[in-house]
PDB file of N, CA and C in Angstrom:
ATOM      1  N   UNK A   1       0.862  -1.178  -0.018  1.00  0.00           N
ATOM      2  CA  UNK A   1       0.010   0.006  -0.032  1.00  0.00           C
ATOM      3  C   UNK A   1       0.881   1.254  -0.017  1.00  0.00           C
ATOM      4  N   UNK A   2       0.385   2.230  -0.649  1.00  0.00           N
ATOM      5  CA  UNK A   2       1.099   3.500  -0.611  1.00  0.00           C
ATOM      6  C   UNK A   2       0.776   4.197   0.751  1.00  0.00           C
ATOM      7  N   UNK A   3       1.573   5.186   0.990  1.00  0.00           N
ATOM      8  CA  UNK A   3       1.387   5.954   2.258  1.00  0.00           C
ATOM      9  C   UNK A   3      -0.036   6.637   2.202  1.00  0.00           C
ATOM     10  N   UNK A   4      -0.425   7.137   1.051  1.00  0.00           N
ATOM     11  CA  UNK A   4      -1.743   7.740   0.883  1.00  0.00           C
ATOM     12  C   UNK A   4      -2.840   6.671   1.126  1.00  0.00           C
ATOM     13  N   UNK A   5      -2.696   5.499   0.621  1.00  0.00           N
ATOM     14  CA  UNK A   5      -3.685   4.430   0.813  1.00  0.00           C
ATOM     15  C   UNK A   5      -3.782   4.066   2.275  1.00  0.00           C
ATOM     16  N   UNK A   6      -2.700   4.024   2.977  1.00  0.00           N
ATOM     17  CA  UNK A   6      -2.713   3.755   4.438  1.00  0.00           C
ATOM     18  C   UNK A   6      -3.429   4.905   5.190  1.00  0.00           C
ATOM     19  N   UNK A   7      -3.196   6.125   4.772  1.00  0.00           N
ATOM     20  CA  UNK A   7      -3.948   7.245   5.430  1.00  0.00           C
ATOM     21  C   UNK A   7      -5.420   7.145   5.144  1.00  0.00           C
ATOM     22  N   UNK A   8      -5.817   6.776   3.981  1.00  0.00           N
ATOM     23  CA  UNK A   8      -7.247   6.552   3.647  1.00  0.00           C
ATOM     24  C   UNK A   8      -7.872   5.458   4.506  1.00  0.00           C
ATOM     25  N   UNK A   9      -7.128   4.346   4.689  1.00  0.00           N
ATOM     26  CA  UNK A   9      -7.589   3.243   5.478  1.00  0.00           C
ATOM     27  C   UNK A   9      -7.794   3.668   6.932  1.00  0.00           C
ATOM     28  N   UNK A  10      -6.848   4.414   7.495  1.00  0.00           N
ATOM     29  CA  UNK A  10      -6.977   4.952   8.842  1.00  0.00           C
ATOM     30  C   UNK A  10      -8.166   5.861   8.990  1.00  0.00           C
ATOM     31  N   UNK A  11      -8.425   6.676   7.998  1.00  0.00           N
ATOM     32  CA  UNK A  11      -9.587   7.565   7.976  1.00  0.00           C
ATOM     33  C   UNK A  11     -10.908   6.797   7.999  1.00  0.00           C
ATOM     34  N   UNK A  12     -10.883   5.595   7.409  1.00  0.00           N
ATOM     35  CA  UNK A  12     -12.076   4.772   7.393  1.00  0.00           C
ATOM     36  C   UNK A  12     -12.531   4.386   8.785  1.00  0.00           C
ATOM     37  N   UNK A  13     -11.530   4.184   9.663  1.00  0.00           N
ATOM     38  CA  UNK A  13     -11.863   3.688  11.046  1.00  0.00           C
ATOM     39  C   UNK A  13     -12.935   4.553  11.716  1.00  0.00           C
ATOM     40  N   UNK A  14     -12.879   5.850  11.586  1.00  0.00           N
ATOM     41  CA  UNK A  14     -13.922   6.623  12.309  1.00  0.00           C
ATOM     42  C   UNK A  14     -15.230   6.588  11.614  1.00  0.00           C
ATOM     43  N   UNK A  15     -15.239   6.338  10.311  1.00  0.00           N
ATOM     44  CA  UNK A  15     -16.491   6.216   9.577  1.00  0.00           C
ATOM     45  C   UNK A  15     -17.141   4.862   9.809  1.00  0.00           C
ATOM     46  N   UNK A  16     -16.316   3.824   9.668  1.00  0.00           N
ATOM     47  CA  UNK A  16     -16.868   2.448   9.815  1.00  0.00           C
ATOM     48  C   UNK A  16     -17.043   2.023  11.231  1.00  0.00           C
ATOM     49  N   UNK A  17     -16.357   2.658  12.163  1.00  0.00           N
ATOM     50  CA  UNK A  17     -16.389   2.291  13.556  1.00  0.00           C
ATOM     51  C   UNK A  17     -17.774   2.469  14.212  1.00  0.00           C
ATOM     52  N   UNK A  18     -18.623   3.264  13.626  1.00  0.00           N
ATOM     53  CA  UNK A  18     -19.935   3.486  14.198  1.00  0.00           C
ATOM     54  C   UNK A  18     -20.970   2.504  13.638  1.00  0.00           C
ATOM     55  N   UNK A  19     -20.560   1.651  12.737  1.00  0.00           N
ATOM     56  CA  UNK A  19     -21.479   0.694  12.151  1.00  0.00           C
ATOM     57  C   UNK A  19     -21.196  -0.692  12.795  1.00  0.00           C
ATOM     58  N   UNK A  20     -22.246  -1.388  13.134  1.00  0.00           N
ATOM     59  CA  UNK A  20     -22.069  -2.760  13.683  1.00  0.00           C
ATOM     60  C   UNK A  20     -22.193  -3.771  12.573  1.00  0.00           C
ATOM     61  N   UNK A  21     -21.174  -4.513  12.323  1.00  0.00           N
ATOM     62  CA  UNK A  21     -21.156  -5.506  11.286  1.00  0.00           C
ATOM     63  C   UNK A  21     -21.277  -6.871  11.849  1.00  0.00           C
ATOM     64  N   UNK A  22     -22.032  -7.759  11.229  1.00  0.00           N
ATOM     65  CA  UNK A  22     -22.179  -9.139  11.595  1.00  0.00           C
ATOM     66  C   UNK A  22     -20.848  -9.949  11.223  1.00  0.00           C
ATOM     67  N   UNK A  23     -20.349  -9.580  10.042  1.00  0.00           N
ATOM     68  CA  UNK A  23     -19.141 -10.257   9.577  1.00  0.00           C
ATOM     69  C   UNK A  23     -18.277  -9.242   8.787  1.00  0.00           C
ATOM     70  N   UNK A  24     -17.012  -9.433   8.889  1.00  0.00           N
ATOM     71  CA  UNK A  24     -16.046  -8.658   8.106  1.00  0.00           C
ATOM     72  C   UNK A  24     -15.136  -9.671   7.406  1.00  0.00           C
ATOM     73  N   UNK A  25     -15.134  -9.580   6.100  1.00  0.00           N
ATOM     74  CA  UNK A  25     -14.300 -10.549   5.286  1.00  0.00           C
ATOM     75  C   UNK A  25     -13.198  -9.767   4.568  1.00  0.00           C
ATOM     76  N   UNK A  26     -12.159 -10.438   4.371  1.00  0.00           N
ATOM     77  CA  UNK A  26     -11.032  -9.889   3.602  1.00  0.00           C
ATOM     78  C   UNK A  26     -10.399 -10.953   2.680  1.00  0.00           C
ATOM     79  N   UNK A  27      -9.831 -10.474   1.577  1.00  0.00           N
ATOM     80  CA  UNK A  27      -9.142 -11.503   0.765  1.00  0.00           C
ATOM     81  C   UNK A  27      -7.826 -11.771   1.440  1.00  0.00           C
ATOM     82  N   UNK A  28      -7.171 -12.829   0.989  1.00  0.00           N
ATOM     83  CA  UNK A  28      -5.862 -13.184   1.548  1.00  0.00           C
ATOM     84  C   UNK A  28      -4.797 -12.215   1.214  1.00  0.00           C
ATOM     85  N   UNK A  29      -4.988 -11.288   0.274  1.00  0.00           N
ATOM     86  CA  UNK A  29      -3.942 -10.333  -0.150  1.00  0.00           C
ATOM     87  C   UNK A  29      -3.440  -9.504   1.031  1.00  0.00           C
ATOM     88  N   UNK A  30      -2.141  -9.327   1.137  1.00  0.00           N
ATOM     89  CA  UNK A  30      -1.576  -8.548   2.201  1.00  0.00           C
ATOM     90  C   UNK A  30      -2.167  -7.161   2.307  1.00  0.00           C
ATOM     91  N   UNK A  31      -2.348  -6.481   1.167  1.00  0.00           N
ATOM     92  CA  UNK A  31      -2.897  -5.120   1.281  1.00  0.00           C
ATOM     93  C   UNK A  31      -4.357  -5.067   1.749  1.00  0.00           C
ATOM     94  N   UNK A  32      -5.087  -6.133   1.446  1.00  0.00           N
ATOM     95  CA  UNK A  32      -6.448  -6.208   1.942  1.00  0.00           C
ATOM     96  C   UNK A  32      -6.454  -6.423   3.450  1.00  0.00           C
ATOM     97  N   UNK A  33      -5.653  -7.318   3.917  1.00  0.00           N
ATOM     98  CA  UNK A  33      -5.557  -7.548   5.385  1.00  0.00           C
ATOM     99  C   UNK A  33      -5.055  -6.332   6.063  1.00  0.00           C
ATOM    100  N   UNK A  34      -4.056  -5.616   5.454  1.00  0.00           N
ATOM    101  CA  UNK A  34      -3.506  -4.371   6.078  1.00  0.00           C
ATOM    102  C   UNK A  34      -4.550  -3.327   6.141  1.00  0.00           C
ATOM    103  N   UNK A  35      -5.431  -3.164   5.148  1.00  0.00           N
ATOM    104  CA  UNK A  35      -6.528  -2.270   5.088  1.00  0.00           C
ATOM    105  C   UNK A  35      -7.484  -2.533   6.249  1.00  0.00           C
ATOM    106  N   UNK A  36      -7.790  -3.802   6.520  1.00  0.00           N
ATOM    107  CA  UNK A  36      -8.677  -4.171   7.609  1.00  0.00           C
ATOM    108  C   UNK A  36      -8.027  -3.770   8.924  1.00  0.00           C
ATOM    109  N   UNK A  37      -6.735  -4.000   9.088  1.00  0.00           N
ATOM    110  CA  UNK A  37      -6.080  -3.606  10.303  1.00  0.00           C
ATOM    111  C   UNK A  37      -6.134  -2.126  10.549  1.00  0.00           C
ATOM    112  N   UNK A  38      -5.732  -1.360   9.530  1.00  0.00           N
ATOM    113  CA  UNK A  38      -5.720   0.081   9.681  1.00  0.00           C
ATOM    114  C   UNK A  38      -7.077   0.700   9.877  1.00  0.00           C
ATOM    115  N   UNK A  39      -8.103   0.087   9.367  1.00  0.00           N
ATOM    116  CA  UNK A  39      -9.510   0.606   9.537  1.00  0.00           C
ATOM    117  C   UNK A  39     -10.160   0.110  10.756  1.00  0.00           C
ATOM    118  N   UNK A  40      -9.411  -0.673  11.579  1.00  0.00           N
ATOM    119  CA  UNK A  40      -9.965  -1.087  12.855  1.00  0.00           C
ATOM    120  C   UNK A  40     -10.596  -2.445  12.875  1.00  0.00           C
ATOM    121  N   UNK A  41     -10.478  -3.222  11.831  1.00  0.00           N
ATOM    122  CA  UNK A  41     -11.152  -4.524  11.768  1.00  0.00           C
ATOM    123  C   UNK A  41     -10.212  -5.741  11.684  1.00  0.00           C
ATOM    124  N   UNK A  42      -8.883  -5.459  11.922  1.00  0.00           N
ATOM    125  CA  UNK A  42      -7.936  -6.553  11.842  1.00  0.00           C
ATOM    126  C   UNK A  42      -8.195  -7.704  12.764  1.00  0.00           C
ATOM    127  N   UNK A  43      -8.743  -7.459  13.963  1.00  0.00           N
ATOM    128  CA  UNK A  43      -8.944  -8.503  14.944  1.00  0.00           C
ATOM    129  C   UNK A  43     -10.276  -9.303  14.711  1.00  0.00           C
ATOM    130  N   UNK A  44     -11.128  -8.767  13.855  1.00  0.00           N
ATOM    131  CA  UNK A  44     -12.441  -9.483  13.624  1.00  0.00           C
ATOM    132  C   UNK A  44     -12.563  -9.988  12.138  1.00  0.00           C
ATOM    133  N   UNK A  45     -11.690  -9.531  11.282  1.00  0.00           N
ATOM    134  CA  UNK A  45     -11.846  -9.902   9.867  1.00  0.00           C
ATOM    135  C   UNK A  45     -11.450 -11.366   9.644  1.00  0.00           C
ATOM    136  N   UNK A  46     -12.308 -12.021   8.884  1.00  0.00           N
ATOM    137  CA  UNK A  46     -12.021 -13.414   8.483  1.00  0.00           C
ATOM    138  C   UNK A  46     -11.518 -13.444   7.067  1.00  0.00           C
ATOM    139  N   UNK A  47     -10.446 -14.200   6.839  1.00  0.00           N
ATOM    140  CA  UNK A  47      -9.886 -14.278   5.500  1.00  0.00           C
ATOM    141  C   UNK A  47     -10.788 -15.240   4.673  1.00  0.00           C
ATOM    142  N   UNK A  48     -11.083 -14.815   3.443  1.00  0.00           N
ATOM    143  CA  UNK A  48     -11.982 -15.585   2.553  1.00  0.00           C
ATOM    144  C   UNK A  48     -11.268 -15.763   1.206  1.00  0.00           C
ATOM    145  N   UNK A  49     -10.873 -16.899   0.922  1.00  0.00           N
ATOM    146  CA  UNK A  49     -10.153 -17.236  -0.353  1.00  0.00           C
ATOM    147  C   UNK A  49     -10.937 -16.836  -1.595  1.00  0.00           C
ATOM    148  N   UNK A  50     -12.290 -16.867  -1.525  1.00  0.00           N
ATOM    149  CA  UNK A  50     -13.148 -16.527  -2.657  1.00  0.00           C
ATOM    150  C   UNK A  50     -12.975 -15.040  -3.015  1.00  0.00           C
ATOM    151  N   UNK A  51     -12.348 -14.234  -2.197  1.00  0.00           N
ATOM    152  CA  UNK A  51     -12.189 -12.830  -2.474  1.00  0.00           C
ATOM    153  C   UNK A  51     -10.838 -12.551  -3.083  1.00  0.00           C
ATOM    154  N   UNK A  52     -10.065 -13.594  -3.390  1.00  0.00           N
ATOM    155  CA  UNK A  52      -8.712 -13.410  -3.997  1.00  0.00           C
ATOM    156  C   UNK A  52      -8.897 -12.804  -5.372  1.00  0.00           C
ATOM    157  N   UNK A  53      -8.067 -11.839  -5.674  1.00  0.00           N
ATOM    158  CA  UNK A  53      -8.083 -11.180  -6.977  1.00  0.00           C
ATOM    159  C   UNK A  53      -7.657 -12.166  -8.067  1.00  0.00           C
ATOM    160  N   UNK A  54      -8.187 -11.897  -9.292  1.00  0.00           N
ATOM    161  CA  UNK A  54      -7.900 -12.675 -10.449  1.00  0.00           C
ATOM    162  C   UNK A  54      -6.432 -12.305 -10.883  1.00  0.00           C
ATOM    163  N   UNK A  55      -5.812 -13.389 -11.495  1.00  0.00           N
ATOM    164  CA  UNK A  55      -4.514 -13.200 -12.186  1.00  0.00           C
ATOM    165  C   UNK A  55      -4.881 -12.805 -13.609  1.00  0.00           C
ATOM    166  N   UNK A  56      -4.644 -11.533 -13.958  1.00  0.00           N
ATOM    167  CA  UNK A  56      -5.038 -11.013 -15.261  1.00  0.00           C
ATOM    168  C   UNK A  56      -3.941 -11.271 -16.317  1.00  0.00           C
ATOM    169  N   UNK A  57      -2.828 -11.860 -15.921  1.00  0.00           N
ATOM    170  CA  UNK A  57      -1.811 -12.280 -16.867  1.00  0.00           C
ATOM    171  C   UNK A  57      -1.427 -11.134 -17.788  1.00  0.00           C
ATOM    172  N   UNK A  58      -1.546 -11.342 -19.110  1.00  0.00           N
ATOM    173  CA  UNK A  58      -1.215 -10.370 -20.167  1.00  0.00           C
ATOM    174  C   UNK A  58      -2.036  -9.091 -20.044  1.00  0.00           C
ATOM    175  N   UNK A  59      -3.209  -9.176 -19.427  1.00  0.00           N
ATOM    176  CA  UNK A  59      -4.093  -8.034 -19.287  1.00  0.00           C
ATOM    177  C   UNK A  59      -3.902  -7.227 -18.022  1.00  0.00           C
ATOM    178  N   UNK A  60      -2.927  -7.616 -17.195  1.00  0.00           N
ATOM    179  CA  UNK A  60      -2.702  -6.927 -15.952  1.00  0.00           C
ATOM    180  C   UNK A  60      -2.432  -5.467 -16.207  1.00  0.00           C
ATOM    181  N   UNK A  61      -3.153  -4.614 -15.462  1.00  0.00           N
ATOM    182  CA  UNK A  61      -2.922  -3.176 -15.533  1.00  0.00           C
ATOM    183  C   UNK A  61      -3.756  -2.487 -16.667  1.00  0.00           C
ATOM    184  N   UNK A  62      -4.426  -3.317 -17.478  1.00  0.00           N
ATOM    185  CA  UNK A  62      -5.211  -2.747 -18.604  1.00  0.00           C
ATOM    186  C   UNK A  62      -6.666  -2.601 -18.182  1.00  0.00           C
ATOM    187  N   UNK A  63      -7.315  -1.593 -18.735  1.00  0.00           N
ATOM    188  CA  UNK A  63      -8.782  -1.430 -18.482  1.00  0.00           C
ATOM    189  C   UNK A  63      -9.543  -2.375 -19.412  1.00  0.00           C
ATOM    190  N   UNK A  64     -10.707  -2.812 -18.866  1.00  0.00           N
ATOM    191  CA  UNK A  64     -11.567  -3.691 -19.705  1.00  0.00           C
ATOM    192  C   UNK A  64     -11.901  -2.989 -21.024  1.00  0.00           C
ATOM    193  N   UNK A  65     -12.119  -1.659 -20.992  1.00  0.00           N
ATOM    194  CA  UNK A  65     -12.520  -0.975 -22.243  1.00  0.00           C
ATOM    195  C   UNK A  65     -11.298  -1.013 -23.242  1.00  0.00           C
ATOM    196  N   UNK A  66     -10.078  -0.939 -22.789  1.00  0.00           N
ATOM    197  CA  UNK A  66      -8.896  -1.094 -23.642  1.00  0.00           C
ATOM    198  C   UNK A  66      -8.744  -2.455 -24.216  1.00  0.00           C
ATOM    199  N   UNK A  67      -8.967  -3.504 -23.399  1.00  0.00           N
ATOM    200  CA  UNK A  67      -8.879  -4.891 -23.819  1.00  0.00           C
ATOM    201  C   UNK A  67      -9.966  -5.129 -24.905  1.00  0.00           C
ATOM    202  N   UNK A  68     -11.163  -4.549 -24.803  1.00  0.00           N
ATOM    203  CA  UNK A  68     -12.203  -4.754 -25.736  1.00  0.00           C
ATOM    204  C   UNK A  68     -11.954  -4.063 -27.089  1.00  0.00           C
ATOM    205  N   UNK A  69     -10.993  -3.184 -27.150  1.00  0.00           N
ATOM    206  CA  UNK A  69     -10.606  -2.628 -28.411  1.00  0.00           C
ATOM    207  C   UNK A  69     -10.018  -3.700 -29.323  1.00  0.00           C
ATOM    208  N   UNK A  70      -9.287  -4.648 -28.670  1.00  0.00           N
ATOM    209  CA  UNK A  70      -8.720  -5.762 -29.479  1.00  0.00           C
ATOM    210  C   UNK A  70      -9.653  -6.964 -29.481  1.00  0.00           C
ATOM    211  N   UNK A  71     -10.472  -7.134 -28.421  1.00  0.00           N
ATOM    212  CA  UNK A  71     -11.408  -8.262 -28.284  1.00  0.00           C
ATOM    213  C   UNK A  71     -12.767  -7.752 -27.867  1.00  0.00           C
ATOM    214  N   UNK A  72     -13.553  -7.190 -28.824  1.00  0.00           N
ATOM    215  CA  UNK A  72     -14.800  -6.540 -28.474  1.00  0.00           C
ATOM    216  C   UNK A  72     -15.782  -7.299 -27.619  1.00  0.00           C
ATOM    217  N   UNK A  73     -15.787  -8.642 -27.690  1.00  0.00           N
ATOM    218  CA  UNK A  73     -16.730  -9.428 -26.904  1.00  0.00           C
ATOM    219  C   UNK A  73     -16.110 -10.015 -25.687  1.00  0.00           C
ATOM    220  N   UNK A  74     -14.892  -9.589 -25.298  1.00  0.00           N
ATOM    221  CA  UNK A  74     -14.184 -10.174 -24.161  1.00  0.00           C
ATOM    222  C   UNK A  74     -14.974  -9.975 -22.855  1.00  0.00           C
ATOM    223  N   UNK A  75     -15.023 -11.033 -22.017  1.00  0.00           N
ATOM    224  CA  UNK A  75     -15.638 -11.006 -20.734  1.00  0.00           C
ATOM    225  C   UNK A  75     -14.777 -11.817 -19.848  1.00  0.00           C
ATOM    226  N   UNK A  76     -14.184 -11.272 -18.774  1.00  0.00           N
ATOM    227  CA  UNK A  76     -13.289 -11.980 -17.909  1.00  0.00           C
ATOM    228  C   UNK A  76     -13.891 -13.278 -17.349  1.00  0.00           C
ATOM    229  N   UNK A  77     -15.192 -13.280 -17.056  1.00  0.00           N
ATOM    230  CA  UNK A  77     -15.824 -14.436 -16.462  1.00  0.00           C
ATOM    231  C   UNK A  77     -16.113 -15.546 -17.484  1.00  0.00           C
ATOM    232  N   UNK A  78     -16.146 -15.179 -18.761  1.00  0.00           N
ATOM    233  CA  UNK A  78     -16.294 -16.204 -19.795  1.00  0.00           C
ATOM    234  C   UNK A  78     -15.032 -16.612 -20.471  1.00  0.00           C
ATOM    235  N   UNK A  79     -14.132 -15.638 -20.621  1.00  0.00           N
ATOM    236  CA  UNK A  79     -12.914 -15.887 -21.452  1.00  0.00           C
ATOM    237  C   UNK A  79     -11.610 -16.023 -20.659  1.00  0.00           C
ATOM    238  N   UNK A  80     -11.567 -15.621 -19.411  1.00  0.00           N
ATOM    239  CA  UNK A  80     -10.385 -15.602 -18.670  1.00  0.00           C
ATOM    240  C   UNK A  80      -9.374 -14.638 -19.225  1.00  0.00           C
ATOM    241  N   UNK A  81      -8.058 -14.893 -18.936  1.00  0.00           N
ATOM    242  CA  UNK A  81      -7.052 -13.942 -19.357  1.00  0.00           C
ATOM    243  C   UNK A  81      -5.836 -14.689 -19.908  1.00  0.00           C
ATOM    244  N   UNK A  82      -5.386 -14.324 -21.110  1.00  0.00           N
ATOM    245  CA  UNK A  82      -4.208 -15.019 -21.625  1.00  0.00           C
ATOM    246  C   UNK A  82      -2.966 -14.809 -20.750  1.00  0.00           C
ATOM    247  N   UNK A  83      -2.260 -15.905 -20.434  1.00  0.00           N
ATOM    248  CA  UNK A  83      -1.087 -15.758 -19.575  1.00  0.00           C
ATOM    249  C   UNK A  83      -1.489 -15.670 -18.103  1.00  0.00           C
ATOM    250  N   UNK A  84      -2.771 -15.739 -17.856  1.00  0.00           N
ATOM    251  CA  UNK A  84      -3.281 -15.574 -16.435  1.00  0.00           C
ATOM    252  C   UNK A  84      -4.294 -16.636 -16.138  1.00  0.00           C
ATOM    253  N   UNK A  85      -5.316 -16.227 -15.432  1.00  0.00           N
ATOM    254  CA  UNK A  85      -6.277 -17.111 -14.900  1.00  0.00           C
ATOM    255  C   UNK A  85      -7.260 -17.634 -16.005  1.00  0.00           C
ATOM    256  N   UNK A  86      -7.647 -18.892 -15.900  1.00  0.00           N
ATOM    257  CA  UNK A  86      -8.616 -19.445 -16.799  1.00  0.00           C
ATOM    258  C   UNK A  86      -9.951 -19.567 -16.026  1.00  0.00           C
ATOM    259  N   UNK A  87     -11.047 -19.611 -16.813  1.00  0.00           N
ATOM    260  CA  UNK A  87     -12.367 -19.750 -16.190  1.00  0.00           C
ATOM    261  C   UNK A  87     -12.667 -21.220 -15.937  1.00  0.00           C
ATOM    262  N   UNK A  88     -11.852 -22.116 -16.487  1.00  0.00           N
ATOM    263  CA  UNK A  88     -12.096 -23.547 -16.300  1.00  0.00           C
ATOM    264  C   UNK A  88     -11.740 -23.878 -14.862  1.00  0.00           C
ATOM    265  N   UNK A  89     -12.533 -24.744 -14.249  1.00  0.00           N
ATOM    266  CA  UNK A  89     -12.307 -25.191 -12.886  1.00  0.00           C
ATOM    267  C   UNK A  89     -11.306 -26.324 -12.873  1.00  0.00           C
TER     268      UNK A  89
END
C-alpha cells in the first residue's frame, strides 16, 4: 500500500467504527488484510479465499475498455485472461 492508501484506510476507522457489522471478510492479499487492520477490523476480519483477486496475466494493468478494443466481446468471467487465470475449474 502507498502511504496515501494507508492514510485513507486509517480515515475509514472513524466512519466504519460507528457501524455494527455481523461479519467482516477480507481477501488473503496482504494489502487487503492491512486495510482491515488500519481501519480497525484486523482483529475481527475473516480471510476468505473466494475474495482473492484474479490473475489477469497479459491483461494486468489494462482497463476492460482497452482490452475490448482488441477483443470486443471479451468477458473475464467467460474468457479468462491469456497468460493468467482461466475460467475452467
